[in-house]
């Protein structure tokens, strides 16, 4: 039977890979996890958590590592003072990633907490500014195929992303026949790039366990997704909103400015800044 139809379509668990080193933000990330860097009054990981919560997800799995205790402390405080936060307390788990061996390895660390059901993955680095939950909109369209969030990028930037090889497109989806992690400008099959939102079959763990290191010497999640296309397909969701790469200084600063622009109490500060 086609693997994409063998599972229930409810997505109730999300994995947050938060074990990265954040080298582009050294030296501050030697003491503060990059996921705790702030956009105004909330850290990046808070926005990612809110997006998952808005999608109806109830079980939250953080793949963390040494030096990331402030993430656990932050959510401990949130849940202990839920009257101050617009949150519903669900089930929160933390699992250690001993070494930062890539996104695929981080996801694999959550295997025992996922079980035999589909799940979501959200990268807090990829901040998506919109009034709708990106992962929630993906879940509404989920049919059991592996699904990723996808956006069009400049050809000069294809080497920074997993790039979809397009079979065909609809208004909302890009159906891919292949995917290539960080291809060269010359070899990229399109400019449709994967950003940090995934809906995956639990069967990806079997692939990840046997996967050899790919680009950058890391276990690449896109390589596992590629191997699963014959059985589970791959759809890229054309999400609404503006995405910022907050793993970079430029992206984080741009995200802060865009959030501030939407805040009535801060807009005059920006107007004064540009006037000076």
C-alpha atoms as a PDB file:
ATOM      1  CA  UNK A   1       0.000   0.000   0.000  1.00  0.00           C
ATOM      2  CA  UNK A   2       1.187   3.520  -0.754  1.00  0.00           C
ATOM      3  CA  UNK A   3       3.007   4.659   2.406  1.00  0.00           C
ATOM      4  CA  UNK A   4       1.463   8.099   2.388  1.00  0.00           C
ATOM      5  CA  UNK A   5      -2.011   6.783   3.253  1.00  0.00           C
ATOM      6  CA  UNK A   6      -1.197   4.408   6.088  1.00  0.00           C
ATOM      7  CA  UNK A   7      -1.245   6.956   8.904  1.00  0.00           C
ATOM      8  CA  UNK A   8      -3.760   9.094  10.703  1.00  0.00           C
ATOM      9  CA  UNK A   9      -3.671  12.686   9.539  1.00  0.00           C
ATOM     10  CA  UNK A  10      -3.715  14.294  12.986  1.00  0.00           C
ATOM     11  CA  UNK A  11      -0.426  16.033  13.850  1.00  0.00           C
ATOM     12  CA  UNK A  12      -0.078  16.268  17.616  1.00  0.00           C
ATOM     13  CA  UNK A  13       3.703  16.427  18.165  1.00  0.00           C
ATOM     14  CA  UNK A  14       6.360  18.931  17.150  1.00  0.00           C
ATOM     15  CA  UNK A  15      10.143  18.751  17.321  1.00  0.00           C
ATOM     16  CA  UNK A  16      12.152  21.925  17.924  1.00  0.00           C
ATOM     17  CA  UNK A  17      15.833  21.352  17.002  1.00  0.00           C
ATOM     18  CA  UNK A  18      17.601  23.782  19.347  1.00  0.00           C
ATOM     19  CA  UNK A  19      21.019  22.142  19.692  1.00  0.00           C
ATOM     20  CA  UNK A  20      22.931  24.249  17.160  1.00  0.00           C
ATOM     21  CA  UNK A  21      25.994  26.270  18.106  1.00  0.00           C
ATOM     22  CA  UNK A  22      24.927  29.627  16.647  1.00  0.00           C
ATOM     23  CA  UNK A  23      28.437  30.398  15.390  1.00  0.00           C
ATOM     24  CA  UNK A  24      27.293  33.391  13.350  1.00  0.00           C
ATOM     25  CA  UNK A  25      26.393  35.114  16.629  1.00  0.00           C
ATOM     26  CA  UNK A  26      29.582  34.436  18.576  1.00  0.00           C
ATOM     27  CA  UNK A  27      30.496  35.599  21.182  1.00  0.00           C
ATOM     28  CA  UNK A  28      26.992  36.145  22.626  1.00  0.00           C
ATOM     29  CA  UNK A  29      25.924  32.572  21.790  1.00  0.00           C
ATOM     30  CA  UNK A  30      28.666  31.238  24.032  1.00  0.00           C
ATOM     31  CA  UNK A  31      26.366  32.094  26.938  1.00  0.00           C
ATOM     32  CA  UNK A  32      22.923  32.637  25.305  1.00  0.00           C
ATOM     33  CA  UNK A  33      21.401  30.052  22.931  1.00  0.00           C
ATOM     34  CA  UNK A  34      20.650  31.584  19.538  1.00  0.00           C
ATOM     35  CA  UNK A  35      17.043  30.452  19.963  1.00  0.00           C
ATOM     36  CA  UNK A  36      16.849  32.758  22.991  1.00  0.00           C
ATOM     37  CA  UNK A  37      17.863  35.831  21.004  1.00  0.00           C
ATOM     38  CA  UNK A  38      14.994  38.269  21.162  1.00  0.00           C
ATOM     39  CA  UNK A  39      12.620  39.833  18.690  1.00  0.00           C
ATOM     40  CA  UNK A  40      11.364  42.659  20.860  1.00  0.00           C
ATOM     41  CA  UNK A  41      10.056  41.136  24.110  1.00  0.00           C
ATOM     42  CA  UNK A  42      10.038  37.439  23.124  1.00  0.00           C
ATOM     43  CA  UNK A  43      12.831  35.061  22.117  1.00  0.00           C
ATOM     44  CA  UNK A  44      12.765  33.264  18.776  1.00  0.00           C
ATOM     45  CA  UNK A  45      11.805  29.954  20.353  1.00  0.00           C
ATOM     46  CA  UNK A  46       8.726  31.561  21.946  1.00  0.00           C
ATOM     47  CA  UNK A  47       7.421  32.554  18.508  1.00  0.00           C
ATOM     48  CA  UNK A  48       8.022  29.013  17.224  1.00  0.00           C
ATOM     49  CA  UNK A  49       6.201  27.572  20.236  1.00  0.00           C
ATOM     50  CA  UNK A  50       3.234  29.916  19.678  1.00  0.00           C
ATOM     51  CA  UNK A  51       3.056  28.886  16.024  1.00  0.00           C
ATOM     52  CA  UNK A  52       2.862  25.210  16.977  1.00  0.00           C
ATOM     53  CA  UNK A  53       0.323  25.887  19.723  1.00  0.00           C
ATOM     54  CA  UNK A  54      -1.867  27.859  17.305  1.00  0.00           C
ATOM     55  CA  UNK A  55      -1.827  24.795  15.031  1.00  0.00           C
ATOM     56  CA  UNK A  56      -3.411  22.680  17.757  1.00  0.00           C
ATOM     57  CA  UNK A  57      -0.237  20.763  18.606  1.00  0.00           C
ATOM     58  CA  UNK A  58      -0.157  19.585  22.210  1.00  0.00           C
ATOM     59  CA  UNK A  59       3.168  17.758  22.622  1.00  0.00           C
ATOM     60  CA  UNK A  60       6.383  19.772  22.317  1.00  0.00           C
ATOM     61  CA  UNK A  61       9.792  18.116  22.021  1.00  0.00           C
ATOM     62  CA  UNK A  62      12.962  20.190  22.329  1.00  0.00           C
ATOM     63  CA  UNK A  63      16.191  18.633  21.047  1.00  0.00           C
ATOM     64  CA  UNK A  64      18.741  20.491  23.100  1.00  0.00           C
ATOM     65  CA  UNK A  65      22.348  20.156  24.256  1.00  0.00           C
ATOM     66  CA  UNK A  66      24.886  21.353  26.813  1.00  0.00           C
ATOM     67  CA  UNK A  67      24.680  25.106  27.427  1.00  0.00           C
ATOM     68  CA  UNK A  68      21.003  25.425  26.471  1.00  0.00           C
ATOM     69  CA  UNK A  69      19.524  25.260  29.967  1.00  0.00           C
ATOM     70  CA  UNK A  70      18.044  28.740  29.629  1.00  0.00           C
ATOM     71  CA  UNK A  71      15.516  27.351  27.119  1.00  0.00           C
ATOM     72  CA  UNK A  72      14.236  24.884  29.708  1.00  0.00           C
ATOM     73  CA  UNK A  73      14.232  27.587  32.394  1.00  0.00           C
ATOM     74  CA  UNK A  74      12.265  29.926  30.131  1.00  0.00           C
ATOM     75  CA  UNK A  75       9.478  27.435  29.467  1.00  0.00           C
ATOM     76  CA  UNK A  76       9.446  26.264  33.085  1.00  0.00           C
ATOM     77  CA  UNK A  77       8.696  29.877  34.042  1.00  0.00           C
ATOM     78  CA  UNK A  78       6.031  30.202  31.330  1.00  0.00           C
ATOM     79  CA  UNK A  79       4.171  27.125  32.505  1.00  0.00           C
ATOM     80  CA  UNK A  80       4.488  28.078  36.166  1.00  0.00           C
ATOM     81  CA  UNK A  81       2.983  31.506  35.406  1.00  0.00           C
ATOM     82  CA  UNK A  82       0.536  30.619  32.659  1.00  0.00           C
ATOM     83  CA  UNK A  83      -1.804  33.391  33.845  1.00  0.00           C
ATOM     84  CA  UNK A  84       0.632  35.903  32.294  1.00  0.00           C
ATOM     85  CA  UNK A  85       1.033  34.096  28.985  1.00  0.00           C
ATOM     86  CA  UNK A  86      -1.509  33.262  26.312  1.00  0.00           C
ATOM     87  CA  UNK A  87      -0.637  29.573  26.312  1.00  0.00           C
ATOM     88  CA  UNK A  88      -2.258  26.225  26.907  1.00  0.00           C
ATOM     89  CA  UNK A  89      -0.036  23.913  28.892  1.00  0.00           C
ATOM     90  CA  UNK A  90       0.639  20.732  26.973  1.00  0.00           C
ATOM     91  CA  UNK A  91       3.278  18.046  27.302  1.00  0.00           C
ATOM     92  CA  UNK A  92       6.866  19.299  27.072  1.00  0.00           C
ATOM     93  CA  UNK A  93       9.899  17.023  26.750  1.00  0.00           C
ATOM     94  CA  UNK A  94      13.615  17.665  26.372  1.00  0.00           C
ATOM     95  CA  UNK A  95      16.078  15.288  24.751  1.00  0.00           C
ATOM     96  CA  UNK A  96      19.832  15.791  24.428  1.00  0.00           C
ATOM     97  CA  UNK A  97      21.798  15.955  21.193  1.00  0.00           C
ATOM     98  CA  UNK A  98      25.355  15.264  22.329  1.00  0.00           C
ATOM     99  CA  UNK A  99      26.937  16.721  19.193  1.00  0.00           C
ATOM    100  CA  UNK A 100      25.579  19.159  16.571  1.00  0.00           C
ATOM    101  CA  UNK A 101      25.689  16.673  13.687  1.00  0.00           C
ATOM    102  CA  UNK A 102      23.028  18.252  11.512  1.00  0.00           C
ATOM    103  CA  UNK A 103      19.265  18.721  11.344  1.00  0.00           C
ATOM    104  CA  UNK A 104      18.665  15.096  10.402  1.00  0.00           C
ATOM    105  CA  UNK A 105      20.583  13.926  13.456  1.00  0.00           C
ATOM    106  CA  UNK A 106      18.642  16.337  15.697  1.00  0.00           C
ATOM    107  CA  UNK A 107      15.333  14.958  14.427  1.00  0.00           C
ATOM    108  CA  UNK A 108      16.578  11.397  14.914  1.00  0.00           C
ATOM    109  CA  UNK A 109      17.255  12.178  18.583  1.00  0.00           C
ATOM    110  CA  UNK A 110      13.488  12.570  19.071  1.00  0.00           C
ATOM    111  CA  UNK A 111      12.644   9.116  17.695  1.00  0.00           C
ATOM    112  CA  UNK A 112      11.653   7.490  20.988  1.00  0.00           C
ATOM    113  CA  UNK A 113       9.317  10.366  21.825  1.00  0.00           C
ATOM    114  CA  UNK A 114       7.477  10.363  18.485  1.00  0.00           C
ATOM    115  CA  UNK A 115       6.351   6.758  18.167  1.00  0.00           C
ATOM    116  CA  UNK A 116       4.403   5.582  15.125  1.00  0.00           C
ATOM    117  CA  UNK A 117       2.721   8.805  14.105  1.00  0.00           C
ATOM    118  CA  UNK A 118       3.405  11.762  11.823  1.00  0.00           C
ATOM    119  CA  UNK A 119       4.973  14.829  13.385  1.00  0.00           C
ATOM    120  CA  UNK A 120       6.026  18.404  12.725  1.00  0.00           C
ATOM    121  CA  UNK A 121       9.458  20.024  12.843  1.00  0.00           C
ATOM    122  CA  UNK A 122       9.917  23.767  13.330  1.00  0.00           C
ATOM    123  CA  UNK A 123      13.241  25.584  13.134  1.00  0.00           C
ATOM    124  CA  UNK A 124      13.099  28.679  15.330  1.00  0.00           C
ATOM    125  CA  UNK A 125      15.792  30.296  13.152  1.00  0.00           C
ATOM    126  CA  UNK A 126      13.262  30.557  10.334  1.00  0.00           C
ATOM    127  CA  UNK A 127      10.981  33.275  11.665  1.00  0.00           C
ATOM    128  CA  UNK A 128       7.803  33.677   9.591  1.00  0.00           C
ATOM    129  CA  UNK A 129       5.878  36.893  10.184  1.00  0.00           C
ATOM    130  CA  UNK A 130       2.176  36.433   9.482  1.00  0.00           C
ATOM    131  CA  UNK A 131      -1.114  36.375  11.353  1.00  0.00           C
ATOM    132  CA  UNK A 132      -1.602  32.688  10.493  1.00  0.00           C
ATOM    133  CA  UNK A 133       0.392  29.741  11.797  1.00  0.00           C
ATOM    134  CA  UNK A 134       2.502  28.443   8.911  1.00  0.00           C
ATOM    135  CA  UNK A 135       2.687  24.928  10.362  1.00  0.00           C
ATOM    136  CA  UNK A 136      -1.049  25.108  11.065  1.00  0.00           C
ATOM    137  CA  UNK A 137      -1.813  25.940   7.429  1.00  0.00           C
ATOM    138  CA  UNK A 138       0.388  23.029   6.363  1.00  0.00           C
ATOM    139  CA  UNK A 139      -1.458  20.646   8.682  1.00  0.00           C
ATOM    140  CA  UNK A 140      -4.789  21.658   7.119  1.00  0.00           C
ATOM    141  CA  UNK A 141      -3.475  20.425   3.763  1.00  0.00           C
ATOM    142  CA  UNK A 142      -1.600  17.384   5.031  1.00  0.00           C
ATOM    143  CA  UNK A 143      -2.521  14.094   3.341  1.00  0.00           C
ATOM    144  CA  UNK A 144       0.235  11.821   4.643  1.00  0.00           C
ATOM    145  CA  UNK A 145       2.888  12.903   2.136  1.00  0.00           C
ATOM    146  CA  UNK A 146       6.032  14.433   3.556  1.00  0.00           C
ATOM    147  CA  UNK A 147       5.539  18.187   3.372  1.00  0.00           C
ATOM    148  CA  UNK A 148       7.874  21.182   3.669  1.00  0.00           C
ATOM    149  CA  UNK A 149       7.404  24.934   3.624  1.00  0.00           C
ATOM    150  CA  UNK A 150       8.795  26.361   0.397  1.00  0.00           C
ATOM    151  CA  UNK A 151       9.652  29.802  -0.912  1.00  0.00           C
ATOM    152  CA  UNK A 152      11.222  31.227  -4.035  1.00  0.00           C
ATOM    153  CA  UNK A 153      14.771  32.549  -3.587  1.00  0.00           C
ATOM    154  CA  UNK A 154      17.272  34.354  -5.772  1.00  0.00           C
ATOM    155  CA  UNK A 155      19.361  31.941  -7.837  1.00  0.00           C
ATOM    156  CA  UNK A 156      22.529  33.273  -6.236  1.00  0.00           C
ATOM    157  CA  UNK A 157      21.212  31.957  -2.889  1.00  0.00           C
ATOM    158  CA  UNK A 158      20.273  28.396  -3.874  1.00  0.00           C
ATOM    159  CA  UNK A 159      23.507  27.092  -2.324  1.00  0.00           C
ATOM    160  CA  UNK A 160      22.109  27.968   1.130  1.00  0.00           C
ATOM    161  CA  UNK A 161      19.011  25.755   0.935  1.00  0.00           C
ATOM    162  CA  UNK A 162      17.503  22.433   0.052  1.00  0.00           C
ATOM    163  CA  UNK A 163      16.130  23.012  -3.467  1.00  0.00           C
ATOM    164  CA  UNK A 164      13.080  21.259  -4.925  1.00  0.00           C
ATOM    165  CA  UNK A 165      13.099  19.649  -8.352  1.00  0.00           C
ATOM    166  CA  UNK A 166       9.558  20.469  -9.468  1.00  0.00           C
ATOM    167  CA  UNK A 167       7.252  17.890 -11.006  1.00  0.00           C
ATOM    168  CA  UNK A 168       4.223  20.201 -11.099  1.00  0.00           C
ATOM    169  CA  UNK A 169       2.619  23.040  -9.161  1.00  0.00           C
ATOM    170  CA  UNK A 170      -0.828  24.040  -7.927  1.00  0.00           C
ATOM    171  CA  UNK A 171      -1.883  27.347  -6.386  1.00  0.00           C
ATOM    172  CA  UNK A 172      -0.749  26.181  -2.939  1.00  0.00           C
ATOM    173  CA  UNK A 173       1.644  23.291  -3.460  1.00  0.00           C
ATOM    174  CA  UNK A 174       4.818  22.369  -5.304  1.00  0.00           C
ATOM    175  CA  UNK A 175       4.954  18.628  -5.976  1.00  0.00           C
ATOM    176  CA  UNK A 176       8.610  17.623  -6.110  1.00  0.00           C
ATOM    177  CA  UNK A 177      10.224  14.670  -7.867  1.00  0.00           C
ATOM    178  CA  UNK A 178      13.552  15.267  -6.144  1.00  0.00           C
ATOM    179  CA  UNK A 179      15.345  17.577  -3.714  1.00  0.00           C
ATOM    180  CA  UNK A 180      18.986  18.603  -3.530  1.00  0.00           C
ATOM    181  CA  UNK A 181      20.704  19.997  -0.429  1.00  0.00           C
ATOM    182  CA  UNK A 182      22.738  23.163  -1.109  1.00  0.00           C
ATOM    183  CA  UNK A 183      23.308  22.716  -4.855  1.00  0.00           C
ATOM    184  CA  UNK A 184      25.506  25.047  -6.881  1.00  0.00           C
ATOM    185  CA  UNK A 185      23.990  27.863  -8.918  1.00  0.00           C
ATOM    186  CA  UNK A 186      24.721  25.853 -12.053  1.00  0.00           C
ATOM    187  CA  UNK A 187      23.163  22.560 -10.920  1.00  0.00           C
ATOM    188  CA  UNK A 188      20.081  23.777  -9.010  1.00  0.00           C
ATOM    189  CA  UNK A 189      16.914  22.396 -10.634  1.00  0.00           C
ATOM    190  CA  UNK A 190      14.799  25.369  -9.503  1.00  0.00           C
ATOM    191  CA  UNK A 191      14.778  28.301  -7.101  1.00  0.00           C
ATOM    192  CA  UNK A 192      12.097  26.790  -4.847  1.00  0.00           C
ATOM    193  CA  UNK A 193      13.797  26.464  -1.463  1.00  0.00           C
ATOM    194  CA  UNK A 194      12.861  24.573   1.706  1.00  0.00           C
ATOM    195  CA  UNK A 195      12.575  26.653   4.871  1.00  0.00           C
ATOM    196  CA  UNK A 196      12.298  25.352   8.422  1.00  0.00           C
ATOM    197  CA  UNK A 197       8.829  23.813   8.572  1.00  0.00           C
ATOM    198  CA  UNK A 198       8.265  20.078   8.003  1.00  0.00           C
ATOM    199  CA  UNK A 199       5.489  17.507   8.340  1.00  0.00           C
ATOM    200  CA  UNK A 200       7.018  14.042   8.289  1.00  0.00           C
ATOM    201  CA  UNK A 201       6.130  10.380   8.488  1.00  0.00           C
ATOM    202  CA  UNK A 202       7.603   8.487  11.449  1.00  0.00           C
ATOM    203  CA  UNK A 203       9.198   6.178   8.885  1.00  0.00           C
ATOM    204  CA  UNK A 204      11.834   8.841   8.290  1.00  0.00           C
ATOM    205  CA  UNK A 205      13.607   7.561  11.400  1.00  0.00           C
ATOM    206  CA  UNK A 206      14.425   4.288   9.654  1.00  0.00           C
ATOM    207  CA  UNK A 207      16.060   6.262   6.863  1.00  0.00           C
ATOM    208  CA  UNK A 208      17.933   8.632   9.182  1.00  0.00           C
ATOM    209  CA  UNK A 209      19.413   5.753  11.165  1.00  0.00           C
ATOM    210  CA  UNK A 210      21.156   4.460   8.043  1.00  0.00           C
ATOM    211  CA  UNK A 211      21.954   7.773   6.393  1.00  0.00           C
ATOM    212  CA  UNK A 212      25.535   8.761   5.643  1.00  0.00           C
ATOM    213  CA  UNK A 213      26.722  12.339   6.203  1.00  0.00           C
ATOM    214  CA  UNK A 214      25.897  14.685   3.339  1.00  0.00           C
ATOM    215  CA  UNK A 215      26.585  18.368   2.681  1.00  0.00           C
ATOM    216  CA  UNK A 216      28.890  19.865   5.296  1.00  0.00           C
ATOM    217  CA  UNK A 217      29.613  16.427   6.742  1.00  0.00           C
ATOM    218  CA  UNK A 218      26.243  16.491   8.540  1.00  0.00           C
ATOM    219  CA  UNK A 219      23.224  14.184   8.596  1.00  0.00           C
ATOM    220  CA  UNK A 220      20.923  16.137   6.300  1.00  0.00           C
ATOM    221  CA  UNK A 221      17.169  15.876   6.778  1.00  0.00           C
ATOM    222  CA  UNK A 222      16.623  16.658   3.096  1.00  0.00           C
ATOM    223  CA  UNK A 223      18.677  13.592   2.108  1.00  0.00           C
ATOM    224  CA  UNK A 224      16.301  11.394   4.116  1.00  0.00           C
ATOM    225  CA  UNK A 225      13.267  13.125   2.603  1.00  0.00           C
ATOM    226  CA  UNK A 226      14.738  12.502  -0.862  1.00  0.00           C
ATOM    227  CA  UNK A 227      14.996   8.756  -0.223  1.00  0.00           C
ATOM    228  CA  UNK A 228      11.342   8.682   0.834  1.00  0.00           C
ATOM    229  CA  UNK A 229       9.876  10.384  -2.243  1.00  0.00           C
ATOM    230  CA  UNK A 230       9.015   7.097  -4.027  1.00  0.00           C
ATOM    231  CA  UNK A 231       6.931   5.899  -1.054  1.00  0.00           C
ATOM    232  CA  UNK A 232       5.753   9.090   0.626  1.00  0.00           C
ATOM    233  CA  UNK A 233       6.015  11.840  -1.967  1.00  0.00           C
ATOM    234  CA  UNK A 234       7.094  15.397  -1.240  1.00  0.00           C
ATOM    235  CA  UNK A 235       4.967  18.545  -1.321  1.00  0.00           C
ATOM    236  CA  UNK A 236       6.246  22.078  -0.848  1.00  0.00           C
ATOM    237  CA  UNK A 237       3.679  24.395   0.725  1.00  0.00           C
ATOM    238  CA  UNK A 238       3.683  27.970  -0.617  1.00  0.00           C
ATOM    239  CA  UNK A 239       3.199  29.720   2.699  1.00  0.00           C
ATOM    240  CA  UNK A 240       1.954  33.253   3.242  1.00  0.00           C
ATOM    241  CA  UNK A 241       3.933  35.830   5.157  1.00  0.00           C
ATOM    242  CA  UNK A 242       7.523  37.014   5.223  1.00  0.00           C
ATOM    243  CA  UNK A 243      10.348  34.733   6.280  1.00  0.00           C
ATOM    244  CA  UNK A 244      13.545  35.893   8.006  1.00  0.00           C
ATOM    245  CA  UNK A 245      16.721  33.871   8.453  1.00  0.00           C
ATOM    246  CA  UNK A 246      17.303  34.711  12.099  1.00  0.00           C
ATOM    247  CA  UNK A 247      20.358  32.502  12.177  1.00  0.00           C
ATOM    248  CA  UNK A 248      22.078  35.492  10.568  1.00  0.00           C
ATOM    249  CA  UNK A 249      22.620  38.999  11.929  1.00  0.00           C
ATOM    250  CA  UNK A 250      20.968  40.545   8.892  1.00  0.00           C
ATOM    251  CA  UNK A 251      17.900  38.335   9.203  1.00  0.00           C
ATOM    252  CA  UNK A 252      17.450  38.884  12.933  1.00  0.00           C
ATOM    253  CA  UNK A 253      17.823  42.653  12.612  1.00  0.00           C
ATOM    254  CA  UNK A 254      15.363  42.738   9.728  1.00  0.00           C
ATOM    255  CA  UNK A 255      12.857  40.667  11.727  1.00  0.00           C
ATOM    256  CA  UNK A 256      13.126  43.048  14.677  1.00  0.00           C
ATOM    257  CA  UNK A 257      12.515  46.059  12.428  1.00  0.00           C
ATOM    258  CA  UNK A 258       9.501  44.441  10.772  1.00  0.00           C
ATOM    259  CA  UNK A 259       7.921  43.466  14.091  1.00  0.00           C
ATOM    260  CA  UNK A 260       8.570  46.949  15.462  1.00  0.00           C
ATOM    261  CA  UNK A 261       6.929  48.475  12.387  1.00  0.00           C
ATOM    262  CA  UNK A 262       3.704  46.625  13.252  1.00  0.00           C
ATOM    263  CA  UNK A 263       3.702  47.899  16.842  1.00  0.00           C
ATOM    264  CA  UNK A 264       1.863  51.205  17.221  1.00  0.00           C
ATOM    265  CA  UNK A 265       3.905  52.094  20.308  1.00  0.00           C
ATOM    266  CA  UNK A 266       7.184  51.690  18.444  1.00  0.00           C
ATOM    267  CA  UNK A 267       6.371  52.984  14.980  1.00  0.00           C
ATOM    268  CA  UNK A 268       7.149  56.582  15.925  1.00  0.00           C
ATOM    269  CA  UNK A 269      10.601  55.526  17.139  1.00  0.00           C
ATOM    270  CA  UNK A 270      11.406  54.145  13.696  1.00  0.00           C
ATOM    271  CA  UNK A 271       9.939  57.206  11.996  1.00  0.00           C
ATOM    272  CA  UNK A 272      12.133  59.443  14.151  1.00  0.00           C
ATOM    273  CA  UNK A 273      15.168  57.298  13.409  1.00  0.00           C
ATOM    274  CA  UNK A 274      14.713  57.612   9.639  1.00  0.00           C
ATOM    275  CA  UNK A 275      14.033  61.320   9.997  1.00  0.00           C
ATOM    276  CA  UNK A 276      17.317  61.974  11.850  1.00  0.00           C
END
